[in-house]
Amino acid sequence: MKEDVCDVHYTSIISQVDSATEDKMTELTDEILICGYHGPVNVEKKEEIVRAVVLHATLRLVPLLSQLRDGLKLYGLTDLLNQYPNIYQSLFVPGVEVNADADFVFATCNSEFSEKGSNKERVGLRIMNHLQDFLQELESREEPEASDRPVVLSPSSFIQWLIGQGHIPFLPDEKINFKVSVQFNHSCHIQYGAHEVCHPTVTACSNTVKLPVQHMQTYEAFKHVMTNAFHYGQAFFHI
């Protein structure tokens, strides 16, 4: 079945064949012939062509897996794999989720600082230092769970709250594009008048968080605002 093909190259060929017009099918002729299909290359033969691609992709993979298994068997690892499949799964199965740690989360944050050398830039740098300390503190401890706070605050749950994904992407291209835009609100007192506290605003669709820096000048103030924002914001996700 074509759903069993995991190789990106061959799944791409199958997808292109499925949606191909006559002209597109002609462009795919070389790729199709390489996969061992020798019949007419036209839209009427889509089903036969897809079967040939699936068979080629599968048969190409089976010898590689057999060689890998023979190599593991030499060192007695096949017995361990059978005995402890869950332990070894992450070594062989792409896409197994690895929770984001403090360093990864901070590295994904792209700060939008004000003009270089300005007071606003210095404030932004201080806030980013607070964020780094905050993430490292979360990683070094586990927050006790309480009845009114069912979600534990950690680096992975923090990034999950920001952009909807708490694990490290597996594919290199996904890692490169896995970014959070950090903006700084320096004028909430002008926008909202006299007030005691603001919370960060999160836009998950654009991976953006805007921090109310007037309320985050010290680390303790930063931690208080971010922690409350995280826990109060959970209601949005659990309606």
Protein backbone atom coordinates (compact mmCIF):
# COMPACT_ATOMS: atom_id res chain seq x y z
CA MET A 1 0.00 0.00 0.00
CA LYS A 2 1.23 3.50 -0.77
CA GLU A 3 0.58 4.54 2.86
CA ASP A 4 3.41 2.17 3.86
CA VAL A 5 6.02 4.10 1.84
CA CYS A 6 8.06 6.31 4.19
CA ASP A 7 10.78 7.52 1.84
CA VAL A 8 10.09 11.18 1.02
CA HIS A 9 11.40 10.81 -2.54
CA TYR A 10 9.02 8.00 -3.41
CA THR A 11 6.01 9.47 -1.62
CA SER A 12 6.59 12.59 -3.71
CA ILE A 13 6.57 10.55 -6.93
CA ILE A 14 3.38 8.78 -5.87
CA SER A 15 1.69 12.08 -5.05
CA GLN A 16 2.72 13.58 -8.38
CA VAL A 17 1.48 10.54 -10.30
CA ASP A 18 -1.86 10.59 -8.47
CA SER A 19 -2.49 14.21 -9.48
CA ALA A 20 -0.72 14.18 -12.85
CA THR A 21 -2.17 15.36 -16.14
CA GLU A 22 -0.99 13.78 -19.37
CA ASP A 23 1.77 16.37 -19.82
CA LYS A 24 2.95 16.01 -16.22
CA MET A 25 2.99 12.23 -16.58
CA THR A 26 5.34 12.60 -19.54
CA GLU A 27 7.68 14.71 -17.40
CA LEU A 28 7.73 11.94 -14.79
CA THR A 29 8.63 9.20 -17.29
CA ASP A 30 12.29 8.85 -16.26
CA GLU A 31 11.44 8.65 -12.54
CA ILE A 32 8.74 6.07 -13.27
CA LEU A 33 11.00 3.87 -15.41
CA ILE A 34 13.72 3.92 -12.74
CA CYS A 35 11.16 2.40 -10.37
CA GLY A 36 10.86 -0.65 -12.64
CA TYR A 37 7.66 0.17 -14.49
CA HIS A 38 7.85 -0.69 -18.21
CA GLY A 39 4.30 -0.26 -19.44
CA PRO A 40 2.69 2.75 -21.13
CA VAL A 41 3.23 5.97 -19.17
CA ASN A 42 -0.12 7.75 -19.29
CA VAL A 43 -2.92 8.81 -16.97
CA GLU A 44 -4.93 5.65 -17.72
CA LYS A 45 -2.15 3.61 -16.11
CA LYS A 46 -1.87 5.62 -12.89
CA GLU A 47 -2.87 2.69 -10.68
CA GLU A 48 -0.30 0.32 -12.21
CA ILE A 49 2.40 3.00 -12.03
CA VAL A 50 1.72 3.70 -8.35
CA ARG A 51 1.86 -0.02 -7.57
CA ALA A 52 5.25 -0.24 -9.31
CA VAL A 53 6.62 2.70 -7.32
CA VAL A 54 5.35 1.25 -4.04
CA LEU A 55 6.86 -2.15 -4.85
CA HIS A 56 10.19 -0.59 -5.81
CA ALA A 57 10.34 1.52 -2.65
CA THR A 58 9.47 -1.48 -0.47
CA LEU A 59 11.86 -3.95 -2.09
CA ARG A 60 14.63 -1.38 -1.97
CA LEU A 61 14.14 -0.97 1.76
CA VAL A 62 13.83 -4.64 2.77
CA PRO A 63 17.46 -5.62 1.99
CA LEU A 64 18.73 -2.58 3.90
CA LEU A 65 16.68 -3.53 6.95
CA SER A 66 17.84 -7.15 6.70
CA GLN A 67 21.47 -6.06 6.68
CA LEU A 68 20.86 -3.80 9.66
CA ARG A 69 19.21 -6.62 11.59
CA ASP A 70 22.09 -9.00 10.80
CA GLY A 71 24.55 -6.41 12.06
CA LEU A 72 22.62 -5.90 15.29
CA LYS A 73 22.38 -9.66 15.76
CA LEU A 74 26.16 -9.98 15.75
CA TYR A 75 26.28 -7.98 18.97
CA GLY A 76 23.23 -9.55 20.58
CA LEU A 77 21.19 -6.36 20.24
CA THR A 78 18.18 -7.96 18.55
CA ASP A 79 17.29 -9.75 21.79
CA LEU A 80 17.49 -6.45 23.68
CA LEU A 81 15.29 -4.76 21.06
CA ASN A 82 12.67 -7.47 21.46
CA GLN A 83 12.88 -7.30 25.25
CA TYR A 84 12.86 -3.49 25.61
CA PRO A 85 11.16 -2.04 22.48
CA ASN A 86 10.06 1.19 24.18
CA ILE A 87 13.59 2.05 25.33
CA TYR A 88 15.10 1.66 21.86
CA GLN A 89 12.21 3.13 19.88
CA SER A 90 13.62 6.67 19.84
CA LEU A 91 16.84 5.39 18.19
CA PHE A 92 15.04 3.94 15.18
CA VAL A 93 11.70 5.69 14.71
CA PRO A 94 11.83 9.22 13.23
CA GLY A 95 9.34 11.64 14.68
CA VAL A 96 9.47 10.42 18.28
CA GLU A 97 8.82 13.54 20.28
CA VAL A 98 11.68 14.98 22.31
CA ASN A 99 10.57 17.67 24.70
CA ALA A 100 12.21 21.06 24.26
CA ASP A 101 14.68 22.02 26.99
CA ALA A 102 15.60 25.49 28.25
CA ASP A 103 18.52 25.99 25.85
CA PHE A 104 16.47 24.97 22.81
CA VAL A 105 13.53 27.19 23.75
CA PHE A 106 15.73 30.24 24.34
CA ALA A 107 17.61 29.63 21.07
CA THR A 108 14.30 29.74 19.17
CA CYS A 109 13.52 33.23 20.47
CA ASN A 110 14.28 36.00 17.98
CA SER A 111 14.24 39.32 19.84
CA GLU A 112 13.02 42.43 18.04
CA PHE A 113 15.14 45.03 19.82
CA SER A 114 14.81 48.78 19.47
CA GLU A 115 17.50 51.03 17.99
CA LYS A 116 21.00 49.91 18.95
CA GLY A 117 22.38 51.84 21.92
CA SER A 118 18.97 53.16 22.96
CA ASN A 119 17.52 52.81 26.44
CA LYS A 120 14.75 50.60 25.02
CA GLU A 121 17.36 48.21 23.64
CA ARG A 122 18.98 47.94 27.08
CA VAL A 123 15.58 47.19 28.60
CA GLY A 124 14.97 44.51 25.97
CA LEU A 125 18.34 42.89 26.68
CA ARG A 126 17.55 42.82 30.41
CA ILE A 127 14.19 41.20 29.73
CA MET A 128 15.81 38.51 27.57
CA ASN A 129 18.25 37.79 30.39
CA HIS A 130 15.24 37.35 32.67
CA LEU A 131 13.69 34.97 30.14
CA GLN A 132 16.83 32.85 29.96
CA ASP A 133 17.06 32.66 33.77
CA PHE A 134 13.35 31.82 33.94
CA LEU A 135 13.67 28.90 31.50
CA GLN A 136 16.72 27.53 33.29
CA GLU A 137 14.91 27.71 36.62
CA LEU A 138 11.95 25.83 35.16
CA GLU A 139 14.30 23.12 33.90
CA SER A 140 16.04 22.74 37.26
CA ARG A 141 12.84 22.05 39.16
CA GLU A 142 9.40 20.61 38.72
CA GLU A 143 6.53 22.81 39.80
CA PRO A 144 4.24 21.00 42.28
CA GLU A 145 0.92 20.20 40.70
CA ALA A 146 -2.14 21.64 42.40
CA SER A 147 -5.83 21.08 41.83
CA ASP A 148 -6.27 24.52 40.31
CA ARG A 149 -3.09 24.24 38.24
CA PRO A 150 -3.23 20.94 36.34
CA VAL A 151 -0.50 21.87 33.82
CA VAL A 152 3.11 21.81 35.05
CA LEU A 153 5.15 24.79 33.89
CA SER A 154 8.33 23.60 32.17
CA PRO A 155 10.35 24.73 29.14
CA SER A 156 8.39 22.38 26.86
CA SER A 157 4.95 23.38 28.22
CA PHE A 158 6.03 27.02 28.02
CA ILE A 159 6.85 26.80 24.30
CA GLN A 160 3.68 24.74 23.80
CA TRP A 161 1.73 27.63 25.30
CA LEU A 162 3.46 30.14 23.02
CA ILE A 163 3.21 28.42 19.65
CA GLY A 164 1.27 25.18 20.15
CA GLN A 165 4.25 22.78 19.92
CA GLY A 166 6.29 21.59 22.89
CA HIS A 167 8.65 19.09 21.26
CA ILE A 168 11.81 19.56 19.22
CA PRO A 169 11.15 19.17 15.47
CA PHE A 170 12.78 16.10 13.96
CA LEU A 171 13.51 17.35 10.44
CA PRO A 172 16.36 19.87 9.94
CA ASP A 173 14.20 22.22 7.87
CA GLU A 174 11.57 22.29 10.61
CA LYS A 175 14.23 23.08 13.21
CA ILE A 176 15.48 26.03 11.18
CA ASN A 177 11.97 27.49 10.87
CA PHE A 178 11.03 26.79 14.48
CA LYS A 179 11.26 30.37 15.75
CA VAL A 180 9.44 32.63 18.20
CA SER A 181 9.35 36.37 17.63
CA VAL A 182 9.80 38.22 20.94
CA GLN A 183 8.51 41.81 20.91
CA PHE A 184 8.61 44.40 23.67
CA ASN A 185 5.74 46.65 24.68
CA HIS A 186 7.35 49.78 26.16
CA SER A 187 4.18 51.89 26.27
CA CYS A 188 1.38 49.93 27.90
CA HIS A 189 0.83 52.83 30.33
CA ILE A 190 0.01 55.03 27.34
CA GLN A 191 -2.28 52.41 25.80
CA TYR A 192 -4.18 51.46 28.94
CA GLY A 193 -3.71 54.37 31.33
CA ALA A 194 -2.93 53.82 34.99
CA HIS A 195 -2.87 50.08 35.85
CA GLU A 196 -0.97 47.70 38.09
CA VAL A 197 -0.10 44.80 35.81
CA CYS A 198 -0.18 43.60 32.21
CA HIS A 199 0.27 40.10 30.88
CA PRO A 200 2.13 39.05 27.72
CA THR A 201 0.06 38.75 24.57
CA VAL A 202 0.61 35.60 22.53
CA THR A 203 -0.22 35.17 18.85
CA ALA A 204 0.23 31.47 18.11
CA CYS A 205 -0.57 31.76 14.39
CA SER A 206 2.47 33.99 13.87
CA ASN A 207 4.60 32.56 16.71
CA THR A 208 4.82 35.94 18.41
CA VAL A 209 4.84 37.01 22.04
CA LYS A 210 4.78 40.64 23.18
CA LEU A 211 6.15 41.33 26.66
CA PRO A 212 4.97 44.27 28.84
CA VAL A 213 8.42 45.37 29.95
CA GLN A 214 7.18 48.05 32.40
CA HIS A 215 5.93 45.22 34.62
CA MET A 216 9.02 43.00 34.25
CA GLN A 217 11.92 45.18 35.34
CA THR A 218 13.19 42.77 38.01
CA TYR A 219 13.54 39.02 37.65
CA GLU A 220 11.01 38.34 40.40
CA ALA A 221 8.47 40.59 38.67
CA PHE A 222 9.18 38.88 35.34
CA LYS A 223 8.68 35.42 36.85
CA HIS A 224 5.46 36.47 38.58
CA VAL A 225 3.92 37.92 35.41
CA MET A 226 4.99 35.01 33.17
CA THR A 227 3.85 32.33 35.61
CA ASN A 228 0.42 33.90 36.08
CA ALA A 229 0.03 34.48 32.34
CA PHE A 230 0.84 30.82 31.64
CA HIS A 231 -1.60 29.39 34.17
CA TYR A 232 -4.43 31.83 33.46
CA GLY A 233 -3.93 31.30 29.74
CA GLN A 234 -4.53 27.54 30.01
CA ALA A 235 -8.29 28.16 30.03
CA PHE A 236 -8.00 29.24 26.40
CA PHE A 237 -6.69 25.78 25.43
CA HIS A 238 -9.05 23.69 27.58
CA ILE A 239 -12.47 25.07 26.78
